[in-house]
Amino acid sequence: MSNRPFTIDDLKRILHASAGVPEGVDFDADILDVAFDGLGYESLALLETCGSIEREFGVSIDDDSMTITDTPRTLLRLVNDQLVAAGAP
Protein backbone atom coordinates (compact mmCIF):
# COMPACT_ATOMS: atom_id res chain seq x y z
CA MET A 1 0.00 0.00 0.00
CA SER A 2 1.35 3.40 -0.93
CA ASN A 3 1.95 5.90 1.84
CA ARG A 4 1.13 8.89 -0.35
CA PRO A 5 -1.92 10.14 -2.23
CA PHE A 6 -2.53 9.21 -5.87
CA THR A 7 -2.19 12.42 -7.91
CA ILE A 8 -3.06 13.54 -11.41
CA ASP A 9 0.67 13.49 -12.18
CA ASP A 10 0.79 9.83 -11.10
CA LEU A 11 -2.16 9.06 -13.35
CA LYS A 12 -0.62 10.85 -16.33
CA ARG A 13 2.67 9.00 -15.82
CA ILE A 14 0.94 5.62 -15.56
CA LEU A 15 -1.36 6.30 -18.51
CA HIS A 16 1.65 7.28 -20.61
CA ALA A 17 3.62 4.18 -19.59
CA SER A 18 0.68 1.76 -19.90
CA ALA A 19 -1.10 3.03 -22.97
CA GLY A 20 0.83 5.92 -24.43
CA VAL A 21 -0.58 9.35 -25.15
CA PRO A 22 -3.08 9.44 -28.02
CA GLU A 23 -2.34 11.88 -30.79
CA GLY A 24 -3.86 15.28 -30.12
CA VAL A 25 -4.14 14.84 -26.34
CA ASP A 26 -2.55 17.64 -24.33
CA PHE A 27 -1.63 16.25 -20.91
CA ASP A 28 -0.70 19.77 -19.82
CA ALA A 29 -4.33 20.87 -20.21
CA ASP A 30 -6.97 20.38 -17.52
CA ILE A 31 -8.08 16.80 -18.19
CA LEU A 32 -9.65 16.01 -14.80
CA ASP A 33 -13.23 16.06 -16.07
CA VAL A 34 -12.66 14.84 -19.63
CA ALA A 35 -14.01 11.33 -20.23
CA PHE A 36 -11.32 8.74 -20.84
CA ASP A 37 -12.84 7.89 -24.22
CA GLY A 38 -12.69 11.60 -25.08
CA LEU A 39 -8.99 11.47 -24.27
CA GLY A 40 -8.60 8.54 -26.66
CA TYR A 41 -8.37 5.71 -24.10
CA GLU A 42 -10.56 2.68 -24.69
CA SER A 43 -11.37 -0.01 -22.14
CA LEU A 44 -8.27 -2.14 -22.79
CA ALA A 45 -5.97 0.83 -22.16
CA LEU A 46 -7.82 1.57 -18.93
CA LEU A 47 -7.54 -2.05 -17.79
CA GLU A 48 -3.79 -1.93 -18.30
CA THR A 49 -3.60 1.42 -16.52
CA CYS A 50 -5.68 0.18 -13.57
CA GLY A 51 -3.46 -2.89 -13.30
CA SER A 52 -0.42 -0.65 -13.02
CA ILE A 53 -2.15 1.53 -10.41
CA GLU A 54 -3.10 -1.57 -8.40
CA ARG A 55 0.49 -2.84 -8.39
CA GLU A 56 2.11 0.50 -7.60
CA PHE A 57 -0.38 1.77 -5.01
CA GLY A 58 -1.57 -1.51 -3.50
CA VAL A 59 -5.27 -0.96 -4.16
CA SER A 60 -7.90 -3.08 -5.85
CA ILE A 61 -10.02 -1.65 -8.66
CA ASP A 62 -12.88 -4.02 -9.37
CA ASP A 63 -14.94 -4.23 -12.56
CA ASP A 64 -17.95 -2.51 -10.97
CA SER A 65 -15.81 0.47 -10.01
CA MET A 66 -14.45 0.68 -13.54
CA THR A 67 -17.95 1.15 -14.95
CA ILE A 68 -18.43 4.35 -12.93
CA THR A 69 -14.86 5.59 -13.31
CA ASP A 70 -15.12 7.50 -16.55
CA THR A 71 -12.89 10.51 -15.93
CA PRO A 72 -9.49 11.09 -14.34
CA ARG A 73 -11.21 12.84 -11.41
CA THR A 74 -13.39 9.82 -10.59
CA LEU A 75 -10.42 7.45 -10.85
CA LEU A 76 -8.33 9.68 -8.56
CA ARG A 77 -11.18 9.76 -6.05
CA LEU A 78 -11.61 5.97 -6.17
CA VAL A 79 -7.93 5.24 -5.59
CA ASN A 80 -7.51 7.90 -2.89
CA ASP A 81 -10.65 6.74 -1.05
CA GLN A 82 -9.13 3.27 -0.89
CA LEU A 83 -5.80 4.63 0.30
CA VAL A 84 -7.50 6.62 3.07
CA ALA A 85 -9.60 3.60 4.10
CA ALA A 86 -6.40 1.59 4.40
CA GLY A 87 -4.78 4.24 6.58
CA ALA A 88 -2.56 6.00 4.07
CA PRO A 89 -2.22 9.80 4.51
PDB file of N, CA and C in Angstrom:
ATOM      1  N   MET A   1       0.843  -1.174   0.000  1.00  0.00           N
ATOM      2  CA  MET A   1       0.000   0.000   0.000  1.00  0.00           C
ATOM      3  C   MET A   1       0.890   1.239   0.000  1.00  0.00           C
ATOM      4  N   SER A   2       0.571   2.166  -0.845  1.00  0.00           N
ATOM      5  CA  SER A   2       1.353   3.397  -0.925  1.00  0.00           C
ATOM      6  C   SER A   2       1.109   4.247   0.315  1.00  0.00           C
ATOM      7  N   ASN A   3       2.104   5.011   0.707  1.00  0.00           N
ATOM      8  CA  ASN A   3       1.948   5.900   1.843  1.00  0.00           C
ATOM      9  C   ASN A   3       1.766   7.348   1.405  1.00  0.00           C
ATOM     10  N   ARG A   4       1.368   7.541   0.166  1.00  0.00           N
ATOM     11  CA  ARG A   4       1.134   8.891  -0.345  1.00  0.00           C
ATOM     12  C   ARG A   4      -0.111   8.896  -1.218  1.00  0.00           C
ATOM     13  N   PRO A   5      -0.718  10.067  -1.390  1.00  0.00           N
ATOM     14  CA  PRO A   5      -1.918  10.143  -2.232  1.00  0.00           C
ATOM     15  C   PRO A   5      -1.594   9.868  -3.703  1.00  0.00           C
ATOM     16  N   PHE A   6      -2.599   9.428  -4.426  1.00  0.00           N
ATOM     17  CA  PHE A   6      -2.531   9.214  -5.873  1.00  0.00           C
ATOM     18  C   PHE A   6      -2.905  10.536  -6.532  1.00  0.00           C
ATOM     19  N   THR A   7      -1.999  11.092  -7.328  1.00  0.00           N
ATOM     20  CA  THR A   7      -2.192  12.425  -7.908  1.00  0.00           C
ATOM     21  C   THR A   7      -2.449  12.338  -9.411  1.00  0.00           C
ATOM     22  N   ILE A   8      -2.854  13.465  -9.966  1.00  0.00           N
ATOM     23  CA  ILE A   8      -3.059  13.539 -11.413  1.00  0.00           C
ATOM     24  C   ILE A   8      -1.734  13.305 -12.136  1.00  0.00           C
ATOM     25  N   ASP A   9      -0.635  13.735 -11.552  1.00  0.00           N
ATOM     26  CA  ASP A   9       0.669  13.490 -12.177  1.00  0.00           C
ATOM     27  C   ASP A   9       0.990  11.995 -12.193  1.00  0.00           C
ATOM     28  N   ASP A  10       0.619  11.285 -11.112  1.00  0.00           N
ATOM     29  CA  ASP A  10       0.787   9.827 -11.097  1.00  0.00           C
ATOM     30  C   ASP A  10      -0.037   9.189 -12.200  1.00  0.00           C
ATOM     31  N   LEU A  11      -1.285   9.625 -12.322  1.00  0.00           N
ATOM     32  CA  LEU A  11      -2.164   9.059 -13.348  1.00  0.00           C
ATOM     33  C   LEU A  11      -1.619   9.322 -14.747  1.00  0.00           C
ATOM     34  N   LYS A  12      -1.183  10.525 -15.008  1.00  0.00           N
ATOM     35  CA  LYS A  12      -0.622  10.849 -16.325  1.00  0.00           C
ATOM     36  C   LYS A  12       0.589   9.980 -16.635  1.00  0.00           C
ATOM     37  N   ARG A  13       1.461   9.825 -15.643  1.00  0.00           N
ATOM     38  CA  ARG A  13       2.671   9.000 -15.821  1.00  0.00           C
ATOM     39  C   ARG A  13       2.286   7.552 -16.123  1.00  0.00           C
ATOM     40  N   ILE A  14       1.336   7.019 -15.364  1.00  0.00           N
ATOM     41  CA  ILE A  14       0.942   5.624 -15.555  1.00  0.00           C
ATOM     42  C   ILE A  14       0.188   5.438 -16.868  1.00  0.00           C
ATOM     43  N   LEU A  15      -0.683   6.367 -17.208  1.00  0.00           N
ATOM     44  CA  LEU A  15      -1.365   6.296 -18.514  1.00  0.00           C
ATOM     45  C   LEU A  15      -0.346   6.288 -19.645  1.00  0.00           C
ATOM     46  N   HIS A  16       0.626   7.184 -19.563  1.00  0.00           N
ATOM     47  CA  HIS A  16       1.647   7.277 -20.606  1.00  0.00           C
ATOM     48  C   HIS A  16       2.434   5.972 -20.717  1.00  0.00           C
ATOM     49  N   ALA A  17       2.830   5.413 -19.572  1.00  0.00           N
ATOM     50  CA  ALA A  17       3.623   4.182 -19.586  1.00  0.00           C
ATOM     51  C   ALA A  17       2.792   2.973 -20.011  1.00  0.00           C
ATOM     52  N   SER A  18       1.526   2.924 -19.618  1.00  0.00           N
ATOM     53  CA  SER A  18       0.682   1.759 -19.901  1.00  0.00           C
ATOM     54  C   SER A  18       0.077   1.782 -21.293  1.00  0.00           C
ATOM     55  N   ALA A  19      -0.334   2.959 -21.723  1.00  0.00           N
ATOM     56  CA  ALA A  19      -1.103   3.028 -22.969  1.00  0.00           C
ATOM     57  C   ALA A  19      -0.645   4.107 -23.930  1.00  0.00           C
ATOM     58  N   GLY A  20       0.374   4.850 -23.560  1.00  0.00           N
ATOM     59  CA  GLY A  20       0.832   5.924 -24.431  1.00  0.00           C
ATOM     60  C   GLY A  20      -0.073   7.139 -24.318  1.00  0.00           C
ATOM     61  N   VAL A  21       0.243   8.141 -25.101  1.00  0.00           N
ATOM     62  CA  VAL A  21      -0.580   9.348 -25.151  1.00  0.00           C
ATOM     63  C   VAL A  21      -1.152   9.448 -26.558  1.00  0.00           C
ATOM     64  N   PRO A  22      -2.474   9.357 -26.688  1.00  0.00           N
ATOM     65  CA  PRO A  22      -3.079   9.437 -28.016  1.00  0.00           C
ATOM     66  C   PRO A  22      -2.749  10.763 -28.712  1.00  0.00           C
ATOM     67  N   GLU A  23      -2.629  10.689 -30.002  1.00  0.00           N
ATOM     68  CA  GLU A  23      -2.340  11.880 -30.790  1.00  0.00           C
ATOM     69  C   GLU A  23      -3.407  12.942 -30.533  1.00  0.00           C
ATOM     70  N   GLY A  24      -2.951  14.164 -30.329  1.00  0.00           N
ATOM     71  CA  GLY A  24      -3.860  15.275 -30.123  1.00  0.00           C
ATOM     72  C   GLY A  24      -4.266  15.508 -28.679  1.00  0.00           C
ATOM     73  N   VAL A  25      -3.816  14.657 -27.756  1.00  0.00           N
ATOM     74  CA  VAL A  25      -4.144  14.836 -26.344  1.00  0.00           C
ATOM     75  C   VAL A  25      -3.062  15.683 -25.691  1.00  0.00           C
ATOM     76  N   ASP A  26      -3.477  16.745 -25.022  1.00  0.00           N
ATOM     77  CA  ASP A  26      -2.553  17.642 -24.334  1.00  0.00           C
ATOM     78  C   ASP A  26      -2.626  17.352 -22.839  1.00  0.00           C
ATOM     79  N   PHE A  27      -1.652  16.602 -22.327  1.00  0.00           N
ATOM     80  CA  PHE A  27      -1.632  16.251 -20.912  1.00  0.00           C
ATOM     81  C   PHE A  27      -1.358  17.459 -20.019  1.00  0.00           C
ATOM     82  N   ASP A  28      -0.927  18.565 -20.598  1.00  0.00           N
ATOM     83  CA  ASP A  28      -0.702  19.773 -19.818  1.00  0.00           C
ATOM     84  C   ASP A  28      -1.997  20.552 -19.606  1.00  0.00           C
ATOM     85  N   ALA A  29      -3.026  20.216 -20.362  1.00  0.00           N
ATOM     86  CA  ALA A  29      -4.328  20.866 -20.212  1.00  0.00           C
ATOM     87  C   ALA A  29      -5.054  20.267 -19.010  1.00  0.00           C
ATOM     88  N   ASP A  30      -6.159  20.889 -18.621  1.00  0.00           N
ATOM     89  CA  ASP A  30      -6.973  20.378 -17.519  1.00  0.00           C
ATOM     90  C   ASP A  30      -7.802  19.207 -18.046  1.00  0.00           C
ATOM     91  N   ILE A  31      -7.400  17.988 -17.684  1.00  0.00           N
ATOM     92  CA  ILE A  31      -8.076  16.795 -18.186  1.00  0.00           C
ATOM     93  C   ILE A  31      -8.914  16.099 -17.115  1.00  0.00           C
ATOM     94  N   LEU A  32      -8.978  16.677 -15.917  1.00  0.00           N
ATOM     95  CA  LEU A  32      -9.646  16.009 -14.799  1.00  0.00           C
ATOM     96  C   LEU A  32     -11.068  15.559 -15.105  1.00  0.00           C
ATOM     97  N   ASP A  33     -11.819  16.376 -15.826  1.00  0.00           N
ATOM     98  CA  ASP A  33     -13.226  16.059 -16.071  1.00  0.00           C
ATOM     99  C   ASP A  33     -13.522  15.657 -17.511  1.00  0.00           C
ATOM    100  N   VAL A  34     -12.485  15.319 -18.249  1.00  0.00           N
ATOM    101  CA  VAL A  34     -12.660  14.844 -19.628  1.00  0.00           C
ATOM    102  C   VAL A  34     -12.781  13.323 -19.576  1.00  0.00           C
ATOM    103  N   ALA A  35     -13.805  12.790 -20.219  1.00  0.00           N
ATOM    104  CA  ALA A  35     -14.007  11.335 -20.226  1.00  0.00           C
ATOM    105  C   ALA A  35     -12.790  10.649 -20.856  1.00  0.00           C
ATOM    106  N   PHE A  36     -12.467   9.475 -20.301  1.00  0.00           N
ATOM    107  CA  PHE A  36     -11.316   8.739 -20.838  1.00  0.00           C
ATOM    108  C   PHE A  36     -11.471   8.467 -22.330  1.00  0.00           C
ATOM    109  N   ASP A  37     -12.682   8.135 -22.775  1.00  0.00           N
ATOM    110  CA  ASP A  37     -12.844   7.888 -24.218  1.00  0.00           C
ATOM    111  C   ASP A  37     -12.644   9.173 -25.019  1.00  0.00           C
ATOM    112  N   GLY A  38     -12.954  10.319 -24.431  1.00  0.00           N
ATOM    113  CA  GLY A  38     -12.690  11.602 -25.078  1.00  0.00           C
ATOM    114  C   GLY A  38     -11.213  11.920 -25.153  1.00  0.00           C
ATOM    115  N   LEU A  39     -10.450  11.312 -24.253  1.00  0.00           N
ATOM    116  CA  LEU A  39      -8.986  11.467 -24.271  1.00  0.00           C
ATOM    117  C   LEU A  39      -8.328  10.452 -25.201  1.00  0.00           C
ATOM    118  N   GLY A  40      -9.134   9.532 -25.733  1.00  0.00           N
ATOM    119  CA  GLY A  40      -8.598   8.540 -26.656  1.00  0.00           C
ATOM    120  C   GLY A  40      -8.240   7.209 -26.026  1.00  0.00           C
ATOM    121  N   TYR A  41      -8.671   6.971 -24.777  1.00  0.00           N
ATOM    122  CA  TYR A  41      -8.368   5.711 -24.101  1.00  0.00           C
ATOM    123  C   TYR A  41      -9.599   4.811 -24.089  1.00  0.00           C
ATOM    124  N   GLU A  42      -9.469   3.646 -24.705  1.00  0.00           N
ATOM    125  CA  GLU A  42     -10.562   2.675 -24.692  1.00  0.00           C
ATOM    126  C   GLU A  42     -10.402   1.749 -23.491  1.00  0.00           C
ATOM    127  N   SER A  43     -11.320   0.824 -23.339  1.00  0.00           N
ATOM    128  CA  SER A  43     -11.367  -0.010 -22.137  1.00  0.00           C
ATOM    129  C   SER A  43     -10.104  -0.835 -21.919  1.00  0.00           C
ATOM    130  N   LEU A  44      -9.489  -1.353 -22.956  1.00  0.00           N
ATOM    131  CA  LEU A  44      -8.269  -2.141 -22.789  1.00  0.00           C
ATOM    132  C   LEU A  44      -7.142  -1.290 -22.207  1.00  0.00           C
ATOM    133  N   ALA A  45      -7.005  -0.079 -22.691  1.00  0.00           N
ATOM    134  CA  ALA A  45      -5.975   0.829 -22.164  1.00  0.00           C
ATOM    135  C   ALA A  45      -6.234   1.126 -20.694  1.00  0.00           C
ATOM    136  N   LEU A  46      -7.498   1.295 -20.329  1.00  0.00           N
ATOM    137  CA  LEU A  46      -7.824   1.567 -18.930  1.00  0.00           C
ATOM    138  C   LEU A  46      -7.576   0.358 -18.047  1.00  0.00           C
ATOM    139  N   LEU A  47      -7.839  -0.836 -18.561  1.00  0.00           N
ATOM    140  CA  LEU A  47      -7.544  -2.047 -17.790  1.00  0.00           C
ATOM    141  C   LEU A  47      -6.052  -2.157 -17.502  1.00  0.00           C
ATOM    142  N   GLU A  48      -5.236  -1.894 -18.495  1.00  0.00           N
ATOM    143  CA  GLU A  48      -3.787  -1.929 -18.300  1.00  0.00           C
ATOM    144  C   GLU A  48      -3.346  -0.861 -17.305  1.00  0.00           C
ATOM    145  N   THR A  49      -3.925   0.319 -17.431  1.00  0.00           N
ATOM    146  CA  THR A  49      -3.600   1.417 -16.524  1.00  0.00           C
ATOM    147  C   THR A  49      -4.002   1.071 -15.098  1.00  0.00           C
ATOM    148  N   CYS A  50      -5.204   0.540 -14.916  1.00  0.00           N
ATOM    149  CA  CYS A  50      -5.675   0.177 -13.573  1.00  0.00           C
ATOM    150  C   CYS A  50      -4.807  -0.928 -12.973  1.00  0.00           C
ATOM    151  N   GLY A  51      -4.361  -1.860 -13.792  1.00  0.00           N
ATOM    152  CA  GLY A  51      -3.460  -2.894 -13.297  1.00  0.00           C
ATOM    153  C   GLY A  51      -2.164  -2.298 -12.771  1.00  0.00           C
ATOM    154  N   SER A  52      -1.642  -1.321 -13.470  1.00  0.00           N
ATOM    155  CA  SER A  52      -0.417  -0.647 -13.015  1.00  0.00           C
ATOM    156  C   SER A  52      -0.654   0.132 -11.729  1.00  0.00           C
ATOM    157  N   ILE A  53      -1.805   0.789 -11.628  1.00  0.00           N
ATOM    158  CA  ILE A  53      -2.149   1.526 -10.410  1.00  0.00           C
ATOM    159  C   ILE A  53      -2.264   0.554  -9.234  1.00  0.00           C
ATOM    160  N   GLU A  54      -2.934  -0.571  -9.462  1.00  0.00           N
ATOM    161  CA  GLU A  54      -3.096  -1.570  -8.400  1.00  0.00           C
ATOM    162  C   GLU A  54      -1.745  -2.054  -7.881  1.00  0.00           C
ATOM    163  N   ARG A  55      -0.838  -2.347  -8.799  1.00  0.00           N
ATOM    164  CA  ARG A  55       0.485  -2.838  -8.394  1.00  0.00           C
ATOM    165  C   ARG A  55       1.288  -1.763  -7.661  1.00  0.00           C
ATOM    166  N   GLU A  56       1.280  -0.560  -8.176  1.00  0.00           N
ATOM    167  CA  GLU A  56       2.107   0.497  -7.600  1.00  0.00           C
ATOM    168  C   GLU A  56       1.549   1.029  -6.277  1.00  0.00           C
ATOM    169  N   PHE A  57       0.222   1.134  -6.180  1.00  0.00           N
ATOM    170  CA  PHE A  57      -0.376   1.768  -5.008  1.00  0.00           C
ATOM    171  C   PHE A  57      -1.020   0.773  -4.045  1.00  0.00           C
ATOM    172  N   GLY A  58      -1.060  -0.499  -4.409  1.00  0.00           N
ATOM    173  CA  GLY A  58      -1.572  -1.513  -3.498  1.00  0.00           C
ATOM    174  C   GLY A  58      -3.055  -1.440  -3.249  1.00  0.00           C
ATOM    175  N   VAL A  59      -3.814  -1.026  -4.260  1.00  0.00           N
ATOM    176  CA  VAL A  59      -5.268  -0.958  -4.158  1.00  0.00           C
ATOM    177  C   VAL A  59      -5.879  -1.988  -5.094  1.00  0.00           C
ATOM    178  N   SER A  60      -7.192  -2.162  -4.973  1.00  0.00           N
ATOM    179  CA  SER A  60      -7.904  -3.077  -5.852  1.00  0.00           C
ATOM    180  C   SER A  60      -9.021  -2.319  -6.549  1.00  0.00           C
ATOM    181  N   ILE A  61      -8.994  -2.324  -7.866  1.00  0.00           N
ATOM    182  CA  ILE A  61     -10.023  -1.646  -8.657  1.00  0.00           C
ATOM    183  C   ILE A  61     -10.848  -2.716  -9.339  1.00  0.00           C
ATOM    184  N   ASP A  62     -12.049  -2.951  -8.820  1.00  0.00           N
ATOM    185  CA  ASP A  62     -12.880  -4.018  -9.369  1.00  0.00           C
ATOM    186  C   ASP A  62     -13.644  -3.555 -10.608  1.00  0.00           C
ATOM    187  N   ASP A  63     -14.233  -4.518 -11.310  1.00  0.00           N
ATOM    188  CA  ASP A  63     -14.945  -4.228 -12.562  1.00  0.00           C
ATOM    189  C   ASP A  63     -16.110  -3.270 -12.352  1.00  0.00           C
ATOM    190  N   ASP A  64     -16.827  -3.411 -11.232  1.00  0.00           N
ATOM    191  CA  ASP A  64     -17.952  -2.513 -10.967  1.00  0.00           C
ATOM    192  C   ASP A  64     -17.487  -1.070 -10.824  1.00  0.00           C
ATOM    193  N   SER A  65     -16.357  -0.881 -10.167  1.00  0.00           N
ATOM    194  CA  SER A  65     -15.810   0.467 -10.006  1.00  0.00           C
ATOM    195  C   SER A  65     -15.402   1.050 -11.355  1.00  0.00           C
ATOM    196  N   MET A  66     -14.879   0.203 -12.220  1.00  0.00           N
ATOM    197  CA  MET A  66     -14.450   0.684 -13.538  1.00  0.00           C
ATOM    198  C   MET A  66     -15.614   1.212 -14.367  1.00  0.00           C
ATOM    199  N   THR A  67     -16.806   0.680 -14.163  1.00  0.00           N
ATOM    200  CA  THR A  67     -17.952   1.149 -14.954  1.00  0.00           C
ATOM    201  C   THR A  67     -18.367   2.564 -14.575  1.00  0.00           C
ATOM    202  N   ILE A  68     -18.064   2.986 -13.344  1.00  0.00           N
ATOM    203  CA  ILE A  68     -18.429   4.349 -12.934  1.00  0.00           C
ATOM    204  C   ILE A  68     -17.232   5.298 -12.953  1.00  0.00           C
ATOM    205  N   THR A  69     -16.074   4.792 -13.271  1.00  0.00           N
ATOM    206  CA  THR A  69     -14.856   5.595 -13.313  1.00  0.00           C
ATOM    207  C   THR A  69     -14.597   5.994 -14.757  1.00  0.00           C
ATOM    208  N   ASP A  70     -15.205   7.119 -15.150  1.00  0.00           N
ATOM    209  CA  ASP A  70     -15.124   7.495 -16.551  1.00  0.00           C
ATOM    210  C   ASP A  70     -14.264   8.717 -16.823  1.00  0.00           C
ATOM    211  N   THR A  71     -13.763   9.347 -15.761  1.00  0.00           N
ATOM    212  CA  THR A  71     -12.891  10.513 -15.927  1.00  0.00           C
ATOM    213  C   THR A  71     -11.682  10.376 -14.993  1.00  0.00           C
ATOM    214  N   PRO A  72     -10.623  11.107 -15.263  1.00  0.00           N
ATOM    215  CA  PRO A  72      -9.492  11.085 -14.337  1.00  0.00           C
ATOM    216  C   PRO A  72      -9.901  11.459 -12.905  1.00  0.00           C
ATOM    217  N   ARG A  73     -10.798  12.431 -12.755  1.00  0.00           N
ATOM    218  CA  ARG A  73     -11.211  12.845 -11.410  1.00  0.00           C
ATOM    219  C   ARG A  73     -11.855  11.691 -10.642  1.00  0.00           C
ATOM    220  N   THR A  74     -12.726  10.923 -11.297  1.00  0.00           N
ATOM    221  CA  THR A  74     -13.390   9.823 -10.593  1.00  0.00           C
ATOM    222  C   THR A  74     -12.404   8.701 -10.270  1.00  0.00           C
ATOM    223  N   LEU A  75     -11.431   8.467 -11.134  1.00  0.00           N
ATOM    224  CA  LEU A  75     -10.415   7.447 -10.846  1.00  0.00           C
ATOM    225  C   LEU A  75      -9.520   7.892  -9.687  1.00  0.00           C
ATOM    226  N   LEU A  76      -9.122   9.154  -9.674  1.00  0.00           N
ATOM    227  CA  LEU A  76      -8.329   9.678  -8.563  1.00  0.00           C
ATOM    228  C   LEU A  76      -9.085   9.523  -7.250  1.00  0.00           C
ATOM    229  N   ARG A  77     -10.366   9.867  -7.261  1.00  0.00           N
ATOM    230  CA  ARG A  77     -11.178   9.759  -6.046  1.00  0.00           C
ATOM    231  C   ARG A  77     -11.267   8.306  -5.574  1.00  0.00           C
ATOM    232  N   LEU A  78     -11.502   7.391  -6.504  1.00  0.00           N
ATOM    233  CA  LEU A  78     -11.613   5.972  -6.172  1.00  0.00           C
ATOM    234  C   LEU A  78     -10.333   5.460  -5.504  1.00  0.00           C
ATOM    235  N   VAL A  79      -9.201   5.730  -6.117  1.00  0.00           N
ATOM    236  CA  VAL A  79      -7.925   5.244  -5.585  1.00  0.00           C
ATOM    237  C   VAL A  79      -7.627   5.903  -4.242  1.00  0.00           C
ATOM    238  N   ASN A  80      -7.818   7.210  -4.145  1.00  0.00           N
ATOM    239  CA  ASN A  80      -7.511   7.902  -2.891  1.00  0.00           C
ATOM    240  C   ASN A  80      -8.458   7.507  -1.766  1.00  0.00           C
ATOM    241  N   ASP A  81      -9.718   7.239  -2.068  1.00  0.00           N
ATOM    242  CA  ASP A  81     -10.650   6.742  -1.049  1.00  0.00           C
ATOM    243  C   ASP A  81     -10.156   5.416  -0.488  1.00  0.00           C
ATOM    244  N   GLN A  82      -9.652   4.544  -1.355  1.00  0.00           N
ATOM    245  CA  GLN A  82      -9.135   3.270  -0.890  1.00  0.00           C
ATOM    246  C   GLN A  82      -7.868   3.450  -0.054  1.00  0.00           C
ATOM    247  N   LEU A  83      -7.016   4.376  -0.466  1.00  0.00           N
ATOM    248  CA  LEU A  83      -5.801   4.630   0.297  1.00  0.00           C
ATOM    249  C   LEU A  83      -6.130   5.176   1.689  1.00  0.00           C
ATOM    250  N   VAL A  84      -7.099   6.075   1.778  1.00  0.00           N
ATOM    251  CA  VAL A  84      -7.503   6.622   3.065  1.00  0.00           C
ATOM    252  C   VAL A  84      -8.110   5.525   3.937  1.00  0.00           C
ATOM    253  N   ALA A  85      -8.964   4.691   3.350  1.00  0.00           N
ATOM    254  CA  ALA A  85      -9.600   3.603   4.103  1.00  0.00           C
ATOM    255  C   ALA A  85      -8.559   2.637   4.665  1.00  0.00           C
ATOM    256  N   ALA A  86      -7.455   2.511   3.955  1.00  0.00           N
ATOM    257  CA  ALA A  86      -6.398   1.591   4.396  1.00  0.00           C
ATOM    258  C   ALA A  86      -5.410   2.268   5.354  1.00  0.00           C
ATOM    259  N   GLY A  87      -5.627   3.554   5.628  1.00  0.00           N
ATOM    260  CA  GLY A  87      -4.776   4.236   6.584  1.00  0.00           C
ATOM    261  C   GLY A  87      -3.638   5.032   5.999  1.00  0.00           C
ATOM    262  N   ALA A  88      -3.599   5.169   4.687  1.00  0.00           N
ATOM    263  CA  ALA A  88      -2.562   5.995   4.066  1.00  0.00           C
ATOM    264  C   ALA A  88      -2.918   7.469   4.288  1.00  0.00           C
ATOM    265  N   PRO A  89      -1.947   8.365   4.280  1.00  0.00           N
ATOM    266  CA  PRO A  89      -2.224   9.802   4.514  1.00  0.00           C
ATOM    267  C   PRO A  89      -3.087  10.422   3.442  1.00  0.00           C
TER     268      PRO A  89
END
